[in-house]
Structure formats: structure tokens, C-alpha cells
C-alpha atoms as a PDB file:
ATOM      1  CA  MET A   1      86.305  48.920   6.540  1.00  0.00           C
ATOM      2  CA  LYS A   2      85.902  45.647   5.842  1.00  0.00           C
ATOM      3  CA  ARG A   3      86.223  44.349   9.107  1.00  0.00           C
ATOM      4  CA  LYS A   4      84.251  46.731  10.444  1.00  0.00           C
ATOM      5  CA  VAL A   5      81.499  45.609   8.443  1.00  0.00           C
ATOM      6  CA  VAL A   6      82.087  41.627   9.690  1.00  0.00           C
ATOM      7  CA  MET A   7      81.500  43.314  13.155  1.00  0.00           C
ATOM      8  CA  MET A   8      78.769  45.216  12.321  1.00  0.00           C
ATOM      9  CA  ALA A   9      76.973  41.916  10.770  1.00  0.00           C
ATOM     10  CA  ALA A  10      78.162  39.739  14.063  1.00  0.00           C
ATOM     11  CA  LEU A  11      76.543  42.249  16.228  1.00  0.00           C
ATOM     12  CA  ALA A  12      73.306  42.791  14.470  1.00  0.00           C
ATOM     13  CA  MET A  13      72.837  38.885  14.474  1.00  0.00           C
ATOM     14  CA  LEU A  14      73.555  38.665  18.130  1.00  0.00           C
ATOM     15  CA  ALA A  15      70.991  41.719  18.170  1.00  0.00           C
ATOM     16  CA  PHE A  16      68.312  38.961  16.516  1.00  0.00           C
ATOM     17  CA  ALA A  17      69.671  36.169  18.393  1.00  0.00           C
ATOM     18  CA  THR A  18      69.240  38.263  21.593  1.00  0.00           C
ATOM     19  CA  ALA A  19      65.676  39.514  20.530  1.00  0.00           C
ATOM     20  CA  ALA A  20      64.381  35.566  19.942  1.00  0.00           C
ATOM     21  CA  LEU A  21      66.012  34.847  22.465  1.00  0.00           C
ATOM     22  CA  ALA A  22      63.862  36.983  24.834  1.00  0.00           C
ATOM     23  CA  GLN A  23      60.777  36.108  22.841  1.00  0.00           C
ATOM     24  CA  ASP A  24      60.721  32.921  23.294  1.00  0.00           C
ATOM     25  CA  ALA A  25      61.153  33.203  26.966  1.00  0.00           C
ATOM     26  CA  THR A  26      58.096  35.951  26.935  1.00  0.00           C
ATOM     27  CA  LYS A  27      55.803  32.853  24.759  1.00  0.00           C
ATOM     28  CA  GLN A  28      56.826  30.719  27.413  1.00  0.00           C
ATOM     29  CA  LYS A  29      56.404  32.900  30.384  1.00  0.00           C
ATOM     30  CA  GLU A  30      52.702  33.467  28.551  1.00  0.00           C
ATOM     31  CA  GLU A  31      52.302  29.823  28.268  1.00  0.00           C
ATOM     32  CA  ALA A  32      53.329  29.064  31.958  1.00  0.00           C
ATOM     33  CA  ASP A  33      50.907  31.579  33.046  1.00  0.00           C
ATOM     34  CA  ALA A  34      48.243  30.359  30.640  1.00  0.00           C
ATOM     35  CA  TYR A  35      48.872  26.667  32.155  1.00  0.00           C
ATOM     36  CA  LYS A  36      49.264  27.648  35.823  1.00  0.00           C
ATOM     37  CA  ALA A  37      45.751  30.010  35.408  1.00  0.00           C
ATOM     38  CA  TRP A  38      43.856  26.393  34.491  1.00  0.00           C
ATOM     39  CA  TYR A  39      45.491  24.577  36.681  1.00  0.00           C
ATOM     40  CA  ASP A  40      44.460  26.690  39.685  1.00  0.00           C
ATOM     41  CA  ALA A  41      40.746  26.818  38.560  1.00  0.00           C
ATOM     42  CA  ASN A  42      40.678  22.901  38.192  1.00  0.00           C
ATOM     43  CA  GLY A  43      42.601  22.610  41.838  1.00  0.00           C
ATOM     44  CA  ALA A  44      39.385  25.095  43.090  1.00  0.00           C
ATOM     45  CA  LYS A  45      37.326  22.909  41.055  1.00  0.00           C
ATOM     46  CA  ASP A  46      35.745  26.134  38.986  1.00  0.00           C
ATOM     47  CA  TYR A  47      35.157  23.813  36.302  1.00  0.00           C
ATOM     48  CA  PRO A  48      33.147  26.116  33.886  1.00  0.00           C
ATOM     49  CA  LYS A  49      36.092  29.124  34.748  1.00  0.00           C
ATOM     50  CA  ALA A  50      38.891  26.016  33.955  1.00  0.00           C
ATOM     51  CA  TYR A  51      36.938  24.721  30.892  1.00  0.00           C
ATOM     52  CA  ASP A  52      36.896  28.256  29.489  1.00  0.00           C
ATOM     53  CA  LEU A  53      40.855  28.662  30.411  1.00  0.00           C
ATOM     54  CA  ALA A  54      41.896  25.306  29.237  1.00  0.00           C
ATOM     55  CA  LYS A  55      40.366  26.307  25.807  1.00  0.00           C
ATOM     56  CA  THR A  56      42.269  29.996  25.550  1.00  0.00           C
ATOM     57  CA  TYR A  57      45.454  27.729  26.418  1.00  0.00           C
ATOM     58  CA  LEU A  58      44.645  25.642  23.318  1.00  0.00           C
ATOM     59  CA  GLU A  59      43.669  28.901  20.916  1.00  0.00           C
ATOM     60  CA  LYS A  60      46.986  30.489  21.970  1.00  0.00           C
ATOM     61  CA  PHE A  61      49.482  27.229  22.227  1.00  0.00           C
ATOM     62  CA  SER A  62      47.958  24.463  20.316  1.00  0.00           C
ATOM     63  CA  SER A  63      51.358  23.057  20.203  1.00  0.00           C
ATOM     64  CA  GLY A  64      52.103  23.700  23.253  1.00  0.00           C
ATOM     65  CA  GLN A  65      53.972  21.386  26.355  1.00  0.00           C
ATOM     66  CA  TYR A  66      50.407  20.673  27.558  1.00  0.00           C
ATOM     67  CA  ALA A  67      48.297  20.769  24.784  1.00  0.00           C
ATOM     68  CA  GLU A  68      47.861  17.004  24.391  1.00  0.00           C
ATOM     69  CA  TYR A  69      46.752  16.390  28.013  1.00  0.00           C
ATOM     70  CA  LEU A  70      44.271  19.776  27.871  1.00  0.00           C
ATOM     71  CA  LYS A  71      43.267  18.720  24.605  1.00  0.00           C
ATOM     72  CA  LYS A  72      41.484  15.590  26.183  1.00  0.00           C
ATOM     73  CA  TRP A  73      40.395  17.133  29.351  1.00  0.00           C
ATOM     74  CA  VAL A  74      38.423  19.426  27.695  1.00  0.00           C
ATOM     75  CA  VAL A  75      36.250  16.654  25.932  1.00  0.00           C
ATOM     76  CA  GLN A  76      35.663  15.053  29.445  1.00  0.00           C
ATOM     77  CA  THR A  77      34.717  18.054  30.932  1.00  0.00           C
ATOM     78  CA  ARG A  78      32.597  19.623  28.065  1.00  0.00           C
ATOM     79  CA  GLY A  79      30.525  16.176  28.555  1.00  0.00           C
ATOM     80  CA  TYR A  80      30.867  16.362  32.699  1.00  0.00           C
ATOM     81  CA  LEU A  81      29.292  20.310  31.770  1.00  0.00           C
ATOM     82  CA  PHE A  82      26.910  19.576  29.758  1.00  0.00           C
ATOM     83  CA  GLY A  83      25.302  16.699  32.094  1.00  0.00           C
ATOM     84  CA  LEU A  84      24.945  19.598  34.653  1.00  0.00           C
ATOM     85  CA  ALA A  85      23.241  22.040  31.955  1.00  0.00           C
ATOM     86  CA  ARG A  86      20.847  18.984  31.175  1.00  0.00           C
ATOM     87  CA  GLN A  87      20.407  18.845  35.265  1.00  0.00           C
ATOM     88  CA  ALA A  88      19.510  22.050  35.181  1.00  0.00           C
ATOM     89  CA  LYS A  89      17.686  22.383  32.206  1.00  0.00           C
ATOM     90  CA  ASN A  90      19.551  25.177  30.554  1.00  0.00           C
ATOM     91  CA  ILE A  91      18.970  24.701  27.316  1.00  0.00           C
ATOM     92  CA  SER A  92      21.298  27.749  26.244  1.00  0.00           C
ATOM     93  CA  ASP A  93      24.406  26.062  28.182  1.00  0.00           C
ATOM     94  CA  GLU A  94      23.443  22.865  26.032  1.00  0.00           C
ATOM     95  CA  ILE A  95      23.534  24.073  23.272  1.00  0.00           C
ATOM     96  CA  ARG A  96      26.639  26.233  23.229  1.00  0.00           C
ATOM     97  CA  LEU A  97      28.256  22.958  24.865  1.00  0.00           C
ATOM     98  CA  GLY A  98      27.062  20.581  22.440  1.00  0.00           C
ATOM     99  CA  GLU A  99      27.570  22.959  18.952  1.00  0.00           C
ATOM    100  CA  GLU A 100      31.704  23.132  20.300  1.00  0.00           C
ATOM    101  CA  ALA A 101      31.241  19.081  20.538  1.00  0.00           C
ATOM    102  CA  LEU A 102      29.560  18.970  16.972  1.00  0.00           C
ATOM    103  CA  ALA A 103      32.282  21.351  16.021  1.00  0.00           C
ATOM    104  CA  ILE A 104      34.581  18.679  16.105  1.00  0.00           C
ATOM    105  CA  ASN A 105      32.349  15.765  14.900  1.00  0.00           C
ATOM    106  CA  ALA A 106      28.851  17.101  13.233  1.00  0.00           C
ATOM    107  CA  ASP A 107      28.075  13.404  13.062  1.00  0.00           C
ATOM    108  CA  ASP A 108      28.224  12.894  17.661  1.00  0.00           C
ATOM    109  CA  LEU A 109      24.990  11.194  17.949  1.00  0.00           C
ATOM    110  CA  ASP A 110      25.015  11.600  21.388  1.00  0.00           C
ATOM    111  CA  TYR A 111      24.964  15.009  21.205  1.00  0.00           C
ATOM    112  CA  LEU A 112      22.668  15.449  18.769  1.00  0.00           C
ATOM    113  CA  TYR A 113      19.927  13.553  20.235  1.00  0.00           C
ATOM    114  CA  LEU A 114      19.902  14.858  24.067  1.00  0.00           C
ATOM    115  CA  LEU A 115      19.567  18.084  22.756  1.00  0.00           C
ATOM    116  CA  ALA A 116      16.703  16.832  20.452  1.00  0.00           C
ATOM    117  CA  VAL A 117      15.077  14.994  23.770  1.00  0.00           C
ATOM    118  CA  ASP A 118      15.776  18.266  25.773  1.00  0.00           C
ATOM    119  CA  ILE A 119      14.671  20.925  23.410  1.00  0.00           C
ATOM    120  CA  ARG A 120      11.569  18.910  22.994  1.00  0.00           C
ATOM    121  CA  THR A 121      10.754  17.825  26.670  1.00  0.00           C
ATOM    122  CA  VAL A 122      11.815  21.088  28.292  1.00  0.00           C
ATOM    123  CA  GLU A 123      11.118  23.956  25.472  1.00  0.00           C
ATOM    124  CA  LEU A 124       8.682  22.938  22.958  1.00  0.00           C
ATOM    125  CA  PHE A 125       6.627  20.186  24.434  1.00  0.00           C
ATOM    126  CA  ALA A 126       6.676  21.936  28.056  1.00  0.00           C
ATOM    127  CA  ALA A 127       3.343  23.022  29.471  1.00  0.00           C
ATOM    128  CA  THR A 128       3.946  26.317  28.453  1.00  0.00           C
ATOM    129  CA  PRO A 129       5.653  25.932  25.229  1.00  0.00           C
ATOM    130  CA  ASN A 130       9.295  28.071  24.129  1.00  0.00           C
ATOM    131  CA  TYR A 131       9.821  27.852  20.750  1.00  0.00           C
ATOM    132  CA  SER A 132      12.927  30.240  20.963  1.00  0.00           C
ATOM    133  CA  HIS A 133      15.459  27.216  20.120  1.00  0.00           C
ATOM    134  CA  GLU A 134      12.521  25.658  17.453  1.00  0.00           C
ATOM    135  CA  ALA A 135      14.771  25.651  14.707  1.00  0.00           C
ATOM    136  CA  LYS A 136      17.597  24.514  16.624  1.00  0.00           C
ATOM    137  CA  GLY A 137      15.346  21.518  17.690  1.00  0.00           C
ATOM    138  CA  ILE A 138      14.068  20.744  14.563  1.00  0.00           C
ATOM    139  CA  ASP A 139      18.275  20.558  13.745  1.00  0.00           C
ATOM    140  CA  TYR A 140      19.277  18.034  15.765  1.00  0.00           C
ATOM    141  CA  THR A 141      16.326  15.999  15.233  1.00  0.00           C
ATOM    142  CA  GLN A 142      16.528  15.396  11.716  1.00  0.00           C
ATOM    143  CA  ARG A 143      19.959  14.998  12.116  1.00  0.00           C
ATOM    144  CA  SER A 144      19.717  12.401  14.539  1.00  0.00           C
ATOM    145  CA  ILE A 145      16.539  10.670  12.750  1.00  0.00           C
ATOM    146  CA  ARG A 146      19.033  10.086  10.038  1.00  0.00           C
ATOM    147  CA  LEU A 147      22.169   8.378  11.712  1.00  0.00           C
ATOM    148  CA  ILE A 148      19.713   6.185  13.903  1.00  0.00           C
ATOM    149  CA  GLU A 149      17.681   5.054  10.249  1.00  0.00           C
ATOM    150  CA  SER A 150      21.562   4.627   9.183  1.00  0.00           C
ATOM    151  CA  GLY A 151      21.738   1.828  12.231  1.00  0.00           C
ATOM    152  CA  LYS A 152      23.896   4.212  14.662  1.00  0.00           C
ATOM    153  CA  VAL A 153      23.088   3.737  18.315  1.00  0.00           C
ATOM    154  CA  PRO A 154      23.509   6.763  21.173  1.00  0.00           C
ATOM    155  CA  ASN A 155      25.929   5.587  23.423  1.00  0.00           C
ATOM    156  CA  VAL A 156      23.759   7.559  26.079  1.00  0.00           C
ATOM    157  CA  VAL A 157      20.950   5.011  25.925  1.00  0.00           C
ATOM    158  CA  ASP A 158      20.179   1.939  27.691  1.00  0.00           C
ATOM    159  CA  LYS A 159      21.232  -0.989  25.064  1.00  0.00           C
ATOM    160  CA  GLN A 160      19.012  -3.236  26.478  1.00  0.00           C
ATOM    161  CA  LYS A 161      16.009  -1.207  26.161  1.00  0.00           C
ATOM    162  CA  TRP A 162      16.948   0.482  22.848  1.00  0.00           C
ATOM    163  CA  ASN A 163      14.095  -0.037  20.544  1.00  0.00           C
ATOM    164  CA  GLN A 164      14.777   1.910  16.835  1.00  0.00           C
ATOM    165  CA  ASN A 165      11.516   1.959  15.641  1.00  0.00           C
ATOM    166  CA  GLN A 166      10.192   4.073  19.098  1.00  0.00           C
ATOM    167  CA  THR A 167      12.632   6.198  19.035  1.00  0.00           C
ATOM    168  CA  LEU A 168      12.600   7.033  15.574  1.00  0.00           C
ATOM    169  CA  ALA A 169       8.636   7.738  15.919  1.00  0.00           C
ATOM    170  CA  TYR A 170       9.801   9.754  18.910  1.00  0.00           C
ATOM    171  CA  LEU A 171      11.525  12.025  17.019  1.00  0.00           C
ATOM    172  CA  TYR A 172       9.425  11.937  14.419  1.00  0.00           C
ATOM    173  CA  GLN A 173       6.829  13.214  16.437  1.00  0.00           C
ATOM    174  CA  THR A 174       8.250  16.680  17.236  1.00  0.00           C
ATOM    175  CA  LEU A 175       8.695  17.942  13.426  1.00  0.00           C
ATOM    176  CA  ALA A 176       5.211  16.267  13.226  1.00  0.00           C
ATOM    177  CA  VAL A 177       3.661  18.299  16.139  1.00  0.00           C
ATOM    178  CA  LEU A 178       6.104  21.636  15.057  1.00  0.00           C
ATOM    179  CA  GLU A 179       4.530  21.461  11.160  1.00  0.00           C
ATOM    180  CA  GLN A 180       1.214  21.246  12.277  1.00  0.00           C
ATOM    181  CA  LYS A 181       1.584  24.283  15.110  1.00  0.00           C
ATOM    182  CA  ASN A 182       3.244  26.064  11.669  1.00  0.00           C
ATOM    183  CA  LYS A 183       0.198  25.303  10.040  1.00  0.00           C
ATOM    184  CA  ASN A 184       2.265  23.265   7.097  1.00  0.00           C
ATOM    185  CA  ASN A 185      -0.428  20.822   7.923  1.00  0.00           C
ATOM    186  CA  ASP A 186       0.107  18.087   4.593  1.00  0.00           C
ATOM    187  CA  LYS A 187       3.648  17.897   5.636  1.00  0.00           C
ATOM    188  CA  ALA A 188       2.732  17.410   9.108  1.00  0.00           C
ATOM    189  CA  LEU A 189       0.305  14.796   8.596  1.00  0.00           C
ATOM    190  CA  GLU A 190       2.869  12.960   6.304  1.00  0.00           C
ATOM    191  CA  LEU A 191       5.176  13.148   9.469  1.00  0.00           C
ATOM    192  CA  TYR A 192       2.260  11.788  11.135  1.00  0.00           C
ATOM    193  CA  LYS A 193       1.401   8.957   9.107  1.00  0.00           C
ATOM    194  CA  LYS A 194       5.786   7.892   9.279  1.00  0.00           C
ATOM    195  CA  THR A 195       5.491   7.542  13.228  1.00  0.00           C
ATOM    196  CA  ILE A 196       2.181   5.683  13.496  1.00  0.00           C
ATOM    197  CA  SER A 197       3.729   2.937  10.723  1.00  0.00           C
ATOM    198  CA  LEU A 198       7.271   2.818  13.075  1.00  0.00           C
ATOM    199  CA  ASP A 199       4.870   2.914  16.096  1.00  0.00           C
ATOM    200  CA  PRO A 200       1.275   2.433  16.031  1.00  0.00           C
ATOM    201  CA  SER A 201       0.844   2.193  20.483  1.00  0.00           C
ATOM    202  CA  VAL A 202       0.499   6.149  20.348  1.00  0.00           C
ATOM    203  CA  ALA A 203      -2.976   6.816  20.642  1.00  0.00           C
ATOM    204  CA  ASN A 204      -2.423  11.247  20.349  1.00  0.00           C
ATOM    205  CA  ASN A 205      -0.766  10.662  17.131  1.00  0.00           C
ATOM    206  CA  PHE A 206      -4.032   9.068  15.779  1.00  0.00           C
ATOM    207  CA  LEU A 207      -6.024  12.164  17.333  1.00  0.00           C
ATOM    208  CA  GLN A 208      -4.168  14.976  15.464  1.00  0.00           C
ATOM    209  CA  ALA A 209      -3.817  12.728  12.162  1.00  0.00           C
ATOM    210  CA  GLY A 210      -7.716  12.453  12.756  1.00  0.00           C
ATOM    211  CA  SER A 211      -7.560  16.135  13.588  1.00  0.00           C
ATOM    212  CA  LEU A 212      -5.641  16.844  10.008  1.00  0.00           C
ATOM    213  CA  TYR A 213      -7.761  14.598   8.407  1.00  0.00           C
ATOM    214  CA  TYR A 214     -10.937  16.387   9.230  1.00  0.00           C
ATOM    215  CA  GLU A 215      -9.542  19.517   8.074  1.00  0.00           C
ATOM    216  CA  LYS A 216      -9.529  18.142   4.725  1.00  0.00           C
ATOM    217  CA  TYR A 217     -12.566  16.608   5.110  1.00  0.00           C
ATOM    218  CA  SER A 218     -14.435  19.883   5.719  1.00  0.00           C
ATOM    219  CA  ALA A 219     -12.387  21.604   2.868  1.00  0.00           C
ATOM    220  CA  ALA A 220     -13.826  18.872   1.022  1.00  0.00           C
ATOM    221  CA  ALA A 221     -17.272  19.120   1.976  1.00  0.00           C
ATOM    222  CA  LYS A 222     -17.356  22.814   1.036  1.00  0.00           C
ATOM    223  CA  LYS A 223     -16.093  22.462  -2.583  1.00  0.00           C
ATOM    224  CA  PHE A 224     -18.537  19.803  -2.860  1.00  0.00           C
ATOM    225  CA  GLU A 225     -21.703  21.899  -1.341  1.00  0.00           C
ATOM    226  CA  ALA A 226     -20.975  24.678  -3.902  1.00  0.00           C
ATOM    227  CA  LEU A 227     -21.637  22.415  -6.479  1.00  0.00           C
ATOM    228  CA  PRO A 228     -25.168  23.206  -8.589  1.00  0.00           C
ATOM    229  CA  THR A 229     -27.856  20.894  -6.811  1.00  0.00           C
ATOM    230  CA  GLU A 230     -27.849  19.022 -10.256  1.00  0.00           C
ATOM    231  CA  LYS A 231     -24.155  18.039 -10.249  1.00  0.00           C
ATOM    232  CA  LYS A 232     -24.543  17.088  -6.176  1.00  0.00           C
ATOM    233  CA  GLN A 233     -27.674  14.880  -7.078  1.00  0.00           C
ATOM    234  CA  LYS A 234     -25.950  13.036  -9.723  1.00  0.00           C
ATOM    235  CA  PRO A 235     -22.105  13.341  -9.327  1.00  0.00           C
ATOM    236  CA  GLU A 236     -21.192  10.188 -11.470  1.00  0.00           C
ATOM    237  CA  ASP A 237     -22.992  12.379 -14.199  1.00  0.00           C
ATOM    238  CA  ASP A 238     -19.672  14.793 -14.254  1.00  0.00           C
ATOM    239  CA  PRO A 239     -16.323  14.083 -13.818  1.00  0.00           C
ATOM    240  CA  GLU A 240     -15.141  16.739 -11.804  1.00  0.00           C
ATOM    241  CA  SER A 241     -17.981  16.318  -8.858  1.00  0.00           C
ATOM    242  CA  LYS A 242     -17.273  12.541  -8.908  1.00  0.00           C
ATOM    243  CA  ALA A 243     -14.035  13.803  -8.031  1.00  0.00           C
ATOM    244  CA  LEU A 244     -14.675  15.914  -5.439  1.00  0.00           C
ATOM    245  CA  LEU A 245     -17.151  13.167  -3.991  1.00  0.00           C
ATOM    246  CA  ASP A 246     -14.666  10.722  -4.102  1.00  0.00           C
ATOM    247  CA  ASP A 247     -12.053  13.036  -2.341  1.00  0.00           C
ATOM    248  CA  LEU A 248     -14.636  14.133   0.414  1.00  0.00           C
ATOM    249  CA  ASN A 249     -15.564  10.376   0.851  1.00  0.00           C
ATOM    250  CA  ALA A 250     -11.649   9.303   1.151  1.00  0.00           C
ATOM    251  CA  GLN A 251     -11.020  12.267   3.977  1.00  0.00           C
ATOM    252  CA  ALA A 252     -14.216  11.051   5.769  1.00  0.00           C
ATOM    253  CA  ASP A 253     -12.888   7.699   6.116  1.00  0.00           C
ATOM    254  CA  ALA A 254      -9.465   8.697   6.741  1.00  0.00           C
ATOM    255  CA  VAL A 255     -10.882  10.819   9.932  1.00  0.00           C
ATOM    256  CA  ILE A 256     -13.101   7.798  11.026  1.00  0.00           C
ATOM    257  CA  ASP A 257     -10.434   4.974  10.803  1.00  0.00           C
ATOM    258  CA  SER A 258      -7.490   7.269  12.549  1.00  0.00           C
ATOM    259  CA  TRP A 259     -10.498   8.416  15.281  1.00  0.00           C
ATOM    260  CA  ALA A 260     -11.547   5.001  15.961  1.00  0.00           C
ATOM    261  CA  ARG A 261      -7.760   3.485  16.749  1.00  0.00           C
ATOM    262  CA  PHE A 262      -7.471   6.508  18.935  1.00  0.00           C
ATOM    263  CA  LEU A 263     -10.819   5.350  20.722  1.00  0.00           C
ATOM    264  CA  ALA A 264      -9.409   2.193  20.606  1.00  0.00           C
ATOM    265  CA  LEU A 265      -6.234   2.776  22.194  1.00  0.00           C
ATOM    266  CA  THR A 266      -8.106   5.188  24.490  1.00  0.00           C
ATOM    267  CA  ALA A 267     -10.908   3.055  25.815  1.00  0.00           C
ATOM    268  CA  LYS A 268      -9.082   1.680  29.212  1.00  0.00           C
ATOM    269  CA  ASP A 269      -7.886   5.084  30.344  1.00  0.00           C
ATOM    270  CA  ALA A 270     -10.707   7.498  29.240  1.00  0.00           C
ATOM    271  CA  ALA A 271     -10.844   9.510  32.027  1.00  0.00           C
ATOM    272  CA  LYS A 272      -7.481  10.337  30.860  1.00  0.00           C
ATOM    273  CA  TRP A 273      -8.567  12.657  27.959  1.00  0.00           C
ATOM    274  CA  GLY A 274     -11.836  14.125  29.370  1.00  0.00           C
ATOM    275  CA  GLN A 275     -14.628  15.879  27.633  1.00  0.00           C
ATOM    276  CA  ALA A 276     -11.951  15.909  24.321  1.00  0.00           C
ATOM    277  CA  ARG A 277     -12.007  11.881  24.010  1.00  0.00           C
ATOM    278  CA  THR A 278     -16.244  12.296  24.176  1.00  0.00           C
ATOM    279  CA  GLN A 279     -15.929  14.951  21.449  1.00  0.00           C
ATOM    280  CA  ILE A 280     -13.751  12.955  19.480  1.00  0.00           C
ATOM    281  CA  GLU A 281     -15.914  10.100  19.776  1.00  0.00           C
ATOM    282  CA  GLU A 282     -19.478  11.705  18.669  1.00  0.00           C
ATOM    283  CA  ALA A 283     -18.095  13.200  15.745  1.00  0.00           C
ATOM    284  CA  ALA A 284     -16.717  10.238  14.566  1.00  0.00           C
ATOM    285  CA  ILE A 285     -19.923   8.695  14.864  1.00  0.00           C
ATOM    286  CA  ALA A 286     -21.673  11.079  13.131  1.00  0.00           C
ATOM    287  CA  LEU A 287     -19.122  11.159  10.214  1.00  0.00           C
ATOM    288  CA  TYR A 288     -19.494   6.940  10.299  1.00  0.00           C
ATOM    289  CA  LYS A 289     -23.648   7.345   9.906  1.00  0.00           C
ATOM    290  CA  PHE A 290     -22.564   9.875   7.154  1.00  0.00           C
ATOM    291  CA  ARG A 291     -20.678   7.317   5.099  1.00  0.00           C
ATOM    292  CA  HIS A 292     -22.201   4.182   6.474  1.00  0.00           C
ATOM    293  CA  PRO A 293     -25.888   5.465   7.151  1.00  0.00           C
ATOM    294  CA  ASP A 294     -27.553   1.602   7.153  1.00  0.00           C
ATOM    295  CA  SER A 295     -24.670   0.572   9.838  1.00  0.00           C
ATOM    296  CA  PRO A 296     -25.656   2.015  13.183  1.00  0.00           C
ATOM    297  CA  THR A 297     -23.402  -0.312  15.271  1.00  0.00           C
ATOM    298  CA  GLY A 298     -20.799  -0.079  12.713  1.00  0.00           C
ATOM    299  CA  PHE A 299     -18.517   2.269  14.491  1.00  0.00           C
ATOM    300  CA  GLN A 300     -18.182   0.896  17.715  1.00  0.00           C
ATOM    301  CA  ASP A 301     -17.416  -2.445  15.718  1.00  0.00           C
ATOM    302  CA  MET A 302     -14.766  -0.812  14.279  1.00  0.00           C
ATOM    303  CA  VAL A 303     -13.563   0.330  17.670  1.00  0.00           C
ATOM    304  CA  ASN A 304     -13.858  -3.323  19.258  1.00  0.00           C
ATOM    305  CA  LYS A 305     -12.000  -4.712  16.558  1.00  0.00           C
ATOM    306  CA  TYR A 306      -9.249  -2.112  16.926  1.00  0.00           C
ATOM    307  CA  ALA A 307      -8.690  -2.702  20.280  1.00  0.00           C
ATOM    308  CA  THR A 308      -8.752  -6.185  20.533  1.00  0.00           C
ATOM    309  CA  GLY A 309      -5.099  -6.501  18.877  1.00  0.00           C
ATOM    310  CA  ALA A 310      -4.024  -2.381  19.238  1.00  0.00           C
ATOM    311  CA  PRO A 311      -1.275  -2.179  21.907  1.00  0.00           C
ATOM    312  CA  PRO A 312      -0.999  -0.547  25.259  1.00  0.00           C
ATOM    313  CA  THR A 313      -1.763   3.178  24.919  1.00  0.00           C
ATOM    314  CA  ASN A 314       0.986   5.633  25.916  1.00  0.00           C
END
């Protein structure tokens, strides 16, 4: 009886070993087949297909015979496919590939910066804007700003032409325009001011900041005009009336200053801005006369002053 039990145990161990060997052989074949599928696609230069097959191999055989090689291959090919997506202006593919890279390194500035730039130029700021990836664009832009402000420089830019302040101004402008579009005017104005502080050479930033200040001026004017006549005539006698007038004047001065700078920057290419520039000039002059009735040439003097030292317009 004892011998029979021993024999049964041995047979069980043999069966287990045989099954294990068979399972191992099956796994080896699956791995070999997965690698061959990638190898054939790569050999045929069907890189999108090969890229997906390489990822499939790595998902199933993360410690497989070819895993280390394919990990490096995937990184290189992801960059190549990302470049093709950029050439094709395929933002969806850019985001898909970029997100895969960012899942590995959330602070990969190369992908963050290129995604921020491409979503802006291809979609958000296109002649016919497309806001389907607006949230992604904001996220990539904000993350790029954080890294660049910390001193990092994207590897994908020309280091000899790199200008940190101009790049940051460009990225902050993206956020400013989107906040303005979404009617978050106070936030938009703060972002335009940040953009201007970094790069005061972009005329459109002064134009938009002036427009936002003008909205604030108009709101302040309505509040002041709603006051009783006696309070409007002697606002200095009433703290609330004086505060409203001070706010009205401050907003008017901000409009005048912003639009004077805009006009100075665009003086040499006025035709490019067409009727819009003429309308801005007329509105600014009228507002200046309201604030300085005894200085008829003062506004043009202000524009000339800014033009003398103003950098070229973009």
C-alpha cells in the first residue's frame, strides 16, 4: 500500500512537471509569435502597426527576452510617430502619443511644449477656431510654464534662438486669450499684464488689455452716472461718490495707456490693422480729451513717446 501511495505521488509530480513544461512551451511560443508579429511589421516599415505590436508584447511579456530592446524601440518610434502627427496637423494623434510619453514622465517638457504650441496654432488660434482640445491645451500650457519658469529649456528648440521671457509671454498669451473668450475678464487682464511684463513688443496684447480696461471703464461710468446729480457735481464731498469717480478715472487712464502703446507699436504697419486701428485711435483720443480737456495734443505726444523707445511690433 505504501509503495502504491509513493508511485501515485511520483506520477502526480511527473504530471505536474509535464504540464508546467507544456505551459512554459506555450508561453514561449506566444512570446515568439508576438515578437515575430512586431518584427514583420517593422520590417515592412509599417511603423504605426509595429508600434502597437511592440506595446502589446511589452504588456504581456514585460520581462521577456526582447523586452529591453523593445522598450527603447518604443520610445524612439513614439517620437518619430509624434513628428509625423505634427506634420499632418493631427492633434488627436499628437495627444494620444504625447499622453503615453507623459504617463512615463509627467514633466517631459519636449512633449508638453510641442503639444501646447500645436494645439494653439492648429486649433485654438486657427482662422476657424476649434476648441475641442481647449482643456488639454490649457493643461499643457500651464505645465510648460511651470517647468520653463523653473529654468528648464525644451530640447526641441534652437538653443541659440531661445528667449525664456518671449516664450513665457507666448504661453501666457494663450491662457489670456482663452480666459477672455470664456468671459473671465479679470483673470484674462491679469494674464495679459503678465504677458506684457515679459515681452512688451506684441501689439495685440496692448489692444486686448485696453479693450478689457474699456469694459471696466464703461461699467464704472454707468455706476457714476447713476448717482444723484448733486453727488456727481461734488463727488469729493461724498466718500462713495469719490471712490466711484476715482475708479472711473483709473480705468480710463489704463485704457488710454494701453491703446497709446498699441498705436505706437503699430504705427509703421498701420495698414495691416485697417479700420480697427482707426477706431481704436478715435476712441482713445476721445477718452484722453475727457481726462485731459486742456491738453488737445497730449494723446499724440504720449503715442510718440512710446513709439520712440518701443520695440518692433509682432
